[in-house]
Amino acid sequence: PRVLVVDDEPNLARLLSWTLDGFEVEGVTEASLALAKLLGGETYDAVLCDLHMPGLDGIDVYERVLAARPDLAA
């Protein structure tokens, strides 16, 4: 399974990636990068996203993906 980890704290993103041993994990530290990947056609089986980040937060990411790509929201 392929997982996108989104967290503005690089150490936490690395820890989550390490914890998900056996998964293909891609980590990003900016919500805008995650949004670009998700809306740009990248596919993931799951997205783990921090809710509290500067600028765009996790809820913003979810709402924008839901509006543009409702098939990914589930």
N, C-alpha and C. Protein backbone atom coordinates (compact mmCIF):
# COMPACT_ATOMS: atom_id res chain seq x y z
N PRO A 1 0.82 -1.21 0.00
CA PRO A 1 0.00 0.00 0.00
C PRO A 1 0.86 1.27 0.00
N ARG A 2 0.35 2.27 -0.64
CA ARG A 2 1.06 3.54 -0.77
C ARG A 2 0.39 4.58 0.13
N VAL A 3 1.20 5.25 0.96
CA VAL A 3 0.68 6.19 1.95
C VAL A 3 1.37 7.54 1.79
N LEU A 4 0.59 8.62 1.87
CA LEU A 4 1.12 9.97 1.88
C LEU A 4 1.04 10.49 3.31
N VAL A 5 2.17 10.90 3.87
CA VAL A 5 2.23 11.48 5.21
C VAL A 5 2.47 12.98 5.05
N VAL A 6 1.59 13.77 5.67
CA VAL A 6 1.68 15.23 5.57
C VAL A 6 1.81 15.80 6.98
N ASP A 7 2.96 16.38 7.28
CA ASP A 7 3.16 16.98 8.59
C ASP A 7 4.22 18.06 8.47
N ASP A 8 3.95 19.22 9.06
CA ASP A 8 4.90 20.33 8.96
C ASP A 8 6.13 20.14 9.84
N GLU A 9 6.12 19.14 10.68
CA GLU A 9 7.28 18.83 11.51
C GLU A 9 8.03 17.66 10.87
N PRO A 10 9.18 17.93 10.26
CA PRO A 10 9.92 16.88 9.54
C PRO A 10 10.23 15.65 10.38
N ASN A 11 10.57 15.85 11.65
CA ASN A 11 10.89 14.70 12.50
C ASN A 11 9.68 13.80 12.71
N LEU A 12 8.52 14.38 12.86
CA LEU A 12 7.31 13.59 13.03
C LEU A 12 6.95 12.87 11.74
N ALA A 13 7.12 13.54 10.62
CA ALA A 13 6.86 12.90 9.32
C ALA A 13 7.78 11.70 9.13
N ARG A 14 9.06 11.85 9.51
CA ARG A 14 10.01 10.72 9.41
C ARG A 14 9.62 9.59 10.34
N LEU A 15 9.20 9.92 11.56
CA LEU A 15 8.80 8.91 12.53
C LEU A 15 7.60 8.12 12.00
N LEU A 16 6.62 8.82 11.47
CA LEU A 16 5.46 8.12 10.90
C LEU A 16 5.87 7.24 9.74
N SER A 17 6.76 7.73 8.90
CA SER A 17 7.24 6.93 7.77
C SER A 17 7.95 5.68 8.26
N TRP A 18 8.76 5.82 9.29
CA TRP A 18 9.49 4.69 9.86
C TRP A 18 8.52 3.69 10.48
N THR A 19 7.47 4.20 11.17
CA THR A 19 6.49 3.36 11.82
C THR A 19 5.70 2.53 10.81
N LEU A 20 5.51 3.05 9.63
CA LEU A 20 4.74 2.37 8.59
C LEU A 20 5.62 1.44 7.76
N ASP A 21 6.51 0.74 8.42
CA ASP A 21 7.39 -0.21 7.76
C ASP A 21 6.55 -1.22 6.97
N GLY A 22 6.95 -1.48 5.75
CA GLY A 22 6.20 -2.39 4.90
C GLY A 22 5.27 -1.68 3.93
N PHE A 23 5.09 -0.38 4.12
CA PHE A 23 4.29 0.44 3.23
C PHE A 23 5.22 1.30 2.38
N GLU A 24 4.76 1.68 1.22
CA GLU A 24 5.48 2.67 0.42
C GLU A 24 5.01 4.03 0.91
N VAL A 25 5.87 4.75 1.61
CA VAL A 25 5.49 6.01 2.24
C VAL A 25 6.19 7.17 1.57
N GLU A 26 5.40 8.19 1.25
CA GLU A 26 5.96 9.45 0.76
C GLU A 26 5.57 10.51 1.77
N GLY A 27 6.54 11.29 2.23
CA GLY A 27 6.28 12.33 3.20
C GLY A 27 6.50 13.70 2.63
N VAL A 28 5.62 14.63 2.99
CA VAL A 28 5.79 16.03 2.62
C VAL A 28 5.56 16.87 3.87
N THR A 29 6.21 18.03 3.90
CA THR A 29 6.12 18.89 5.08
C THR A 29 5.28 20.15 4.85
N GLU A 30 4.64 20.23 3.70
CA GLU A 30 3.76 21.36 3.41
C GLU A 30 2.45 20.85 2.83
N ALA A 31 1.35 21.36 3.36
CA ALA A 31 0.04 20.94 2.89
C ALA A 31 -0.15 21.28 1.42
N SER A 32 0.42 22.38 0.97
CA SER A 32 0.26 22.76 -0.44
C SER A 32 0.91 21.72 -1.36
N LEU A 33 2.02 21.13 -0.93
CA LEU A 33 2.65 20.07 -1.74
C LEU A 33 1.77 18.83 -1.78
N ALA A 34 1.19 18.49 -0.65
CA ALA A 34 0.28 17.34 -0.61
C ALA A 34 -0.91 17.58 -1.53
N LEU A 35 -1.46 18.76 -1.47
CA LEU A 35 -2.60 19.10 -2.30
C LEU A 35 -2.24 19.02 -3.78
N ALA A 36 -1.07 19.51 -4.14
CA ALA A 36 -0.63 19.45 -5.54
C ALA A 36 -0.49 18.00 -5.99
N LYS A 37 0.03 17.13 -5.13
CA LYS A 37 0.17 15.72 -5.49
C LYS A 37 -1.20 15.07 -5.66
N LEU A 38 -2.08 15.31 -4.71
CA LEU A 38 -3.40 14.67 -4.75
C LEU A 38 -4.24 15.17 -5.92
N LEU A 39 -4.19 16.45 -6.19
CA LEU A 39 -4.99 16.99 -7.29
C LEU A 39 -4.30 16.82 -8.64
N GLY A 40 -3.00 16.52 -8.60
CA GLY A 40 -2.23 16.33 -9.82
C GLY A 40 -2.25 14.91 -10.34
N GLY A 41 -2.96 14.02 -9.66
CA GLY A 41 -3.11 12.67 -10.18
C GLY A 41 -2.34 11.59 -9.45
N GLU A 42 -1.54 11.97 -8.45
CA GLU A 42 -0.85 10.94 -7.67
C GLU A 42 -1.90 10.10 -6.96
N THR A 43 -1.61 8.81 -6.80
CA THR A 43 -2.57 7.94 -6.13
C THR A 43 -1.95 7.35 -4.86
N TYR A 44 -2.76 7.28 -3.83
CA TYR A 44 -2.36 6.74 -2.54
C TYR A 44 -3.51 5.90 -1.99
N ASP A 45 -3.15 4.92 -1.19
CA ASP A 45 -4.17 4.10 -0.54
C ASP A 45 -4.67 4.76 0.74
N ALA A 46 -3.83 5.61 1.32
CA ALA A 46 -4.21 6.35 2.53
C ALA A 46 -3.39 7.63 2.61
N VAL A 47 -3.97 8.61 3.31
CA VAL A 47 -3.28 9.88 3.56
C VAL A 47 -3.37 10.14 5.06
N LEU A 48 -2.22 10.33 5.68
CA LEU A 48 -2.16 10.72 7.09
C LEU A 48 -1.74 12.18 7.11
N CYS A 49 -2.63 13.05 7.58
CA CYS A 49 -2.38 14.48 7.48
C CYS A 49 -2.58 15.17 8.82
N ASP A 50 -1.57 15.92 9.22
CA ASP A 50 -1.65 16.76 10.42
C ASP A 50 -2.80 17.75 10.24
N LEU A 51 -3.56 17.97 11.29
CA LEU A 51 -4.68 18.91 11.19
C LEU A 51 -4.25 20.35 11.42
N HIS A 52 -3.19 20.56 12.20
CA HIS A 52 -2.78 21.92 12.56
C HIS A 52 -1.42 22.23 11.94
N MET A 53 -1.46 22.95 10.82
CA MET A 53 -0.25 23.36 10.13
C MET A 53 -0.41 24.82 9.71
N PRO A 54 0.70 25.53 9.56
CA PRO A 54 0.60 26.92 9.11
C PRO A 54 0.10 26.99 7.66
N GLY A 55 -0.59 28.05 7.35
CA GLY A 55 -1.14 28.18 5.99
C GLY A 55 -2.33 27.24 5.84
N LEU A 56 -2.22 26.31 4.91
CA LEU A 56 -3.25 25.29 4.76
C LEU A 56 -3.13 24.28 5.88
N ASP A 57 -4.24 23.90 6.47
CA ASP A 57 -4.19 22.84 7.47
C ASP A 57 -4.83 21.57 6.90
N GLY A 58 -4.85 20.53 7.68
CA GLY A 58 -5.37 19.25 7.21
C GLY A 58 -6.82 19.31 6.77
N ILE A 59 -7.61 20.08 7.46
CA ILE A 59 -9.03 20.21 7.10
C ILE A 59 -9.16 20.91 5.75
N ASP A 60 -8.35 21.94 5.52
CA ASP A 60 -8.35 22.63 4.22
C ASP A 60 -8.00 21.65 3.10
N VAL A 61 -6.98 20.83 3.34
CA VAL A 61 -6.58 19.84 2.33
C VAL A 61 -7.74 18.92 2.03
N TYR A 62 -8.36 18.38 3.06
CA TYR A 62 -9.48 17.46 2.86
C TYR A 62 -10.62 18.13 2.09
N GLU A 63 -10.99 19.33 2.48
CA GLU A 63 -12.10 20.02 1.82
C GLU A 63 -11.79 20.32 0.35
N ARG A 64 -10.57 20.70 0.05
CA ARG A 64 -10.21 20.99 -1.35
C ARG A 64 -10.16 19.72 -2.19
N VAL A 65 -9.66 18.64 -1.60
CA VAL A 65 -9.64 17.36 -2.33
C VAL A 65 -11.08 16.88 -2.53
N LEU A 66 -11.91 17.00 -1.51
CA LEU A 66 -13.32 16.59 -1.61
C LEU A 66 -14.03 17.34 -2.72
N ALA A 67 -13.77 18.64 -2.83
CA ALA A 67 -14.42 19.46 -3.86
C ALA A 67 -13.93 19.10 -5.26
N ALA A 68 -12.62 18.87 -5.40
CA ALA A 68 -12.05 18.65 -6.73
C ALA A 68 -12.02 17.18 -7.14
N ARG A 69 -11.83 16.29 -6.19
CA ARG A 69 -11.70 14.86 -6.47
C ARG A 69 -12.47 14.06 -5.44
N PRO A 70 -13.79 14.11 -5.46
CA PRO A 70 -14.58 13.41 -4.44
C PRO A 70 -14.30 11.91 -4.38
N ASP A 71 -13.82 11.36 -5.48
CA ASP A 71 -13.51 9.93 -5.50
C ASP A 71 -12.36 9.59 -4.54
N LEU A 72 -11.51 10.56 -4.20
CA LEU A 72 -10.40 10.32 -3.29
C LEU A 72 -10.78 10.49 -1.83
N ALA A 73 -11.87 11.14 -1.55
CA ALA A 73 -12.23 11.48 -0.18
C ALA A 73 -12.49 10.25 0.69
N ALA A 74 -13.00 9.22 0.10
CA ALA A 74 -13.29 8.01 0.89
C ALA A 74 -12.00 7.39 1.36
